[in-house]
Amino acid sequence: MKMHFEEHRSAVVLRIEGEFTHEDVDVFRRRCQEWLERTTGSWILDGAGMERIDSAGLESLLWFADELRRAAGRLRLANLDDLVAKAMIVTRLDRRFEIHESIEQAARSLARSEAA
């Protein structure tokens, strides 16, 4: 798994490429925690390059959403690959996360929630 972080005005965009499996959980949590210590606000996870996610990866997303919520931030998911989107539906996590077709839609959603 490769992770790329980009800080934008409205949110931090985290791009994940490859497979997000139990082997990647420690690195994911450590790198996200490092970013959480120096940034505040909302995040968008861009899953366009994520080929597969297992239960440990899904659990890590739940952990990350909880960490953001504690810090008064929000998480949106965008550009999920078909297999990853199906995993979200099968596990009913599509009810827990806001999932958008594009980063732009996710950013608009965050802007609307901040304005409310």
C-alpha atoms as a PDB file:
ATOM      1  CA  MET A   1       0.000   0.000   0.000  1.00  0.00           C
ATOM      2  CA  LYS A   2       1.161   3.500  -0.803  1.00  0.00           C
ATOM      3  CA  MET A   3      -0.154   6.561   1.017  1.00  0.00           C
ATOM      4  CA  HIS A   4       0.013  10.151  -0.225  1.00  0.00           C
ATOM      5  CA  PHE A   5      -1.072  13.139   1.853  1.00  0.00           C
ATOM      6  CA  GLU A   6      -1.973  16.511   0.338  1.00  0.00           C
ATOM      7  CA  GLU A   7      -2.997  19.440   2.463  1.00  0.00           C
ATOM      8  CA  HIS A   8      -5.599  21.685   0.846  1.00  0.00           C
ATOM      9  CA  ARG A   9      -7.485  24.686   2.102  1.00  0.00           C
ATOM     10  CA  SER A  10     -10.678  22.752   2.863  1.00  0.00           C
ATOM     11  CA  ALA A  11      -9.293  19.326   3.824  1.00  0.00           C
ATOM     12  CA  VAL A  12      -6.377  16.960   3.855  1.00  0.00           C
ATOM     13  CA  VAL A  13      -6.638  14.470   0.992  1.00  0.00           C
ATOM     14  CA  LEU A  14      -5.258  11.025   1.713  1.00  0.00           C
ATOM     15  CA  ARG A  15      -4.714   8.875  -1.369  1.00  0.00           C
ATOM     16  CA  ILE A  16      -4.326   5.149  -0.850  1.00  0.00           C
ATOM     17  CA  GLU A  17      -2.981   2.986  -3.648  1.00  0.00           C
ATOM     18  CA  GLY A  18      -2.788  -0.791  -3.782  1.00  0.00           C
ATOM     19  CA  GLU A  19      -4.169  -3.231  -1.263  1.00  0.00           C
ATOM     20  CA  PHE A  20      -5.091  -2.071   2.237  1.00  0.00           C
ATOM     21  CA  THR A  21      -4.743  -5.208   4.356  1.00  0.00           C
ATOM     22  CA  HIS A  22      -3.732  -6.295   7.844  1.00  0.00           C
ATOM     23  CA  GLU A  23      -0.087  -5.914   6.803  1.00  0.00           C
ATOM     24  CA  ASP A  24      -0.612  -2.163   6.318  1.00  0.00           C
ATOM     25  CA  VAL A  25      -2.542  -1.293   9.475  1.00  0.00           C
ATOM     26  CA  ASP A  26       0.405  -0.289  11.670  1.00  0.00           C
ATOM     27  CA  VAL A  27       1.890   1.988   9.003  1.00  0.00           C
ATOM     28  CA  PHE A  28      -1.540   3.503   8.263  1.00  0.00           C
ATOM     29  CA  ARG A  29      -2.233   4.289  11.905  1.00  0.00           C
ATOM     30  CA  ARG A  30       1.240   5.665  12.571  1.00  0.00           C
ATOM     31  CA  ARG A  31       1.290   7.948   9.535  1.00  0.00           C
ATOM     32  CA  CYS A  32      -2.268   9.163  10.116  1.00  0.00           C
ATOM     33  CA  GLN A  33      -1.502   9.871  13.767  1.00  0.00           C
ATOM     34  CA  GLU A  34       1.543  11.912  12.732  1.00  0.00           C
ATOM     35  CA  TRP A  35      -0.633  14.003  10.420  1.00  0.00           C
ATOM     36  CA  LEU A  36      -3.376  14.372  13.029  1.00  0.00           C
ATOM     37  CA  GLU A  37      -0.846  15.812  15.457  1.00  0.00           C
ATOM     38  CA  ARG A  38       0.012  18.662  13.089  1.00  0.00           C
ATOM     39  CA  THR A  39      -3.260  19.347  11.273  1.00  0.00           C
ATOM     40  CA  THR A  40      -6.850  19.895  12.270  1.00  0.00           C
ATOM     41  CA  GLY A  41     -10.053  19.765  10.339  1.00  0.00           C
ATOM     42  CA  SER A  42     -11.558  17.529   7.742  1.00  0.00           C
ATOM     43  CA  TRP A  43     -10.169  14.738   5.605  1.00  0.00           C
ATOM     44  CA  ILE A  44     -11.045  13.119   2.308  1.00  0.00           C
ATOM     45  CA  LEU A  45      -9.831   9.613   1.601  1.00  0.00           C
ATOM     46  CA  ASP A  46      -9.330   9.154  -2.140  1.00  0.00           C
ATOM     47  CA  GLY A  47      -9.717   5.465  -2.846  1.00  0.00           C
ATOM     48  CA  ALA A  48      -9.362   5.567  -6.640  1.00  0.00           C
ATOM     49  CA  GLY A  49      -6.134   3.595  -6.480  1.00  0.00           C
ATOM     50  CA  MET A  50      -7.166   1.240  -3.677  1.00  0.00           C
ATOM     51  CA  GLU A  51      -7.501  -2.172  -5.267  1.00  0.00           C
ATOM     52  CA  ARG A  52      -8.696  -4.156  -2.257  1.00  0.00           C
ATOM     53  CA  ILE A  53      -9.443  -3.751   1.437  1.00  0.00           C
ATOM     54  CA  ASP A  54      -9.752  -6.459   4.066  1.00  0.00           C
ATOM     55  CA  SER A  55     -11.449  -6.428   7.468  1.00  0.00           C
ATOM     56  CA  ALA A  56      -8.360  -4.974   9.156  1.00  0.00           C
ATOM     57  CA  GLY A  57      -8.302  -2.135   6.634  1.00  0.00           C
ATOM     58  CA  LEU A  58     -12.004  -1.459   7.219  1.00  0.00           C
ATOM     59  CA  GLU A  59     -11.427  -1.466  10.962  1.00  0.00           C
ATOM     60  CA  SER A  60      -8.600   1.032  10.481  1.00  0.00           C
ATOM     61  CA  LEU A  61     -10.947   3.370   8.620  1.00  0.00           C
ATOM     62  CA  LEU A  62     -13.361   3.176  11.552  1.00  0.00           C
ATOM     63  CA  TRP A  63     -10.499   3.951  13.935  1.00  0.00           C
ATOM     64  CA  PHE A  64      -9.457   6.919  11.802  1.00  0.00           C
ATOM     65  CA  ALA A  65     -13.006   8.298  11.647  1.00  0.00           C
ATOM     66  CA  ASP A  66     -13.226   8.040  15.448  1.00  0.00           C
ATOM     67  CA  GLU A  67      -9.886   9.806  15.885  1.00  0.00           C
ATOM     68  CA  LEU A  68     -11.039  12.616  13.604  1.00  0.00           C
ATOM     69  CA  ARG A  69     -14.346  12.930  15.425  1.00  0.00           C
ATOM     70  CA  ARG A  70     -12.494  13.301  18.744  1.00  0.00           C
ATOM     71  CA  ALA A  71     -10.500  16.140  17.170  1.00  0.00           C
ATOM     72  CA  ALA A  72     -13.679  17.780  15.797  1.00  0.00           C
ATOM     73  CA  GLY A  73     -12.827  16.720  12.246  1.00  0.00           C
ATOM     74  CA  ARG A  74     -14.771  14.790   9.649  1.00  0.00           C
ATOM     75  CA  LEU A  75     -13.919  12.105   7.118  1.00  0.00           C
ATOM     76  CA  ARG A  76     -15.381  11.640   3.664  1.00  0.00           C
ATOM     77  CA  LEU A  77     -14.566   8.803   1.262  1.00  0.00           C
ATOM     78  CA  ALA A  78     -14.321   9.395  -2.478  1.00  0.00           C
ATOM     79  CA  ASN A  79     -13.532   7.571  -5.722  1.00  0.00           C
ATOM     80  CA  LEU A  80     -13.859   4.072  -4.301  1.00  0.00           C
ATOM     81  CA  ASP A  81     -12.962   1.209  -6.603  1.00  0.00           C
ATOM     82  CA  ASP A  82     -15.851  -1.192  -7.302  1.00  0.00           C
ATOM     83  CA  LEU A  83     -14.445  -3.952  -5.070  1.00  0.00           C
ATOM     84  CA  VAL A  84     -13.850  -1.550  -2.200  1.00  0.00           C
ATOM     85  CA  ALA A  85     -17.327  -0.047  -2.625  1.00  0.00           C
ATOM     86  CA  LYS A  86     -18.835  -3.553  -2.531  1.00  0.00           C
ATOM     87  CA  ALA A  87     -16.917  -4.313   0.667  1.00  0.00           C
ATOM     88  CA  MET A  88     -18.420  -1.172   2.208  1.00  0.00           C
ATOM     89  CA  ILE A  89     -21.919  -2.252   1.196  1.00  0.00           C
ATOM     90  CA  VAL A  90     -21.547  -5.870   2.332  1.00  0.00           C
ATOM     91  CA  THR A  91     -20.269  -4.771   5.747  1.00  0.00           C
ATOM     92  CA  ARG A  92     -22.878  -1.974   5.888  1.00  0.00           C
ATOM     93  CA  LEU A  93     -20.136   0.584   6.413  1.00  0.00           C
ATOM     94  CA  ASP A  94     -21.678   2.586   3.593  1.00  0.00           C
ATOM     95  CA  ARG A  95     -24.146   3.655   6.304  1.00  0.00           C
ATOM     96  CA  ARG A  96     -21.358   4.799   8.599  1.00  0.00           C
ATOM     97  CA  PHE A  97     -19.303   6.766   6.065  1.00  0.00           C
ATOM     98  CA  GLU A  98     -20.291   9.442   3.602  1.00  0.00           C
ATOM     99  CA  ILE A  99     -19.124   8.128   0.246  1.00  0.00           C
ATOM    100  CA  HIS A 100     -18.835  10.394  -2.790  1.00  0.00           C
ATOM    101  CA  GLU A 101     -18.046   9.812  -6.434  1.00  0.00           C
ATOM    102  CA  SER A 102     -15.345  12.475  -6.540  1.00  0.00           C
ATOM    103  CA  ILE A 103     -13.051  14.506  -4.327  1.00  0.00           C
ATOM    104  CA  GLU A 104     -14.886  17.637  -5.448  1.00  0.00           C
ATOM    105  CA  GLN A 105     -18.249  16.253  -4.261  1.00  0.00           C
ATOM    106  CA  ALA A 106     -16.705  15.248  -0.942  1.00  0.00           C
ATOM    107  CA  ALA A 107     -15.198  18.737  -0.514  1.00  0.00           C
ATOM    108  CA  ARG A 108     -18.569  20.359  -1.262  1.00  0.00           C
ATOM    109  CA  SER A 109     -20.177  18.089   1.337  1.00  0.00           C
ATOM    110  CA  LEU A 110     -17.629  19.192   3.919  1.00  0.00           C
ATOM    111  CA  ALA A 111     -18.158  22.861   3.034  1.00  0.00           C
ATOM    112  CA  ARG A 112     -21.942  22.480   3.426  1.00  0.00           C
ATOM    113  CA  SER A 113     -21.567  20.817   6.825  1.00  0.00           C
ATOM    114  CA  GLU A 114     -19.210  23.569   8.014  1.00  0.00           C
ATOM    115  CA  ALA A 115     -21.648  26.260   6.889  1.00  0.00           C
ATOM    116  CA  ALA A 116     -24.552  24.631   8.745  1.00  0.00           C
END
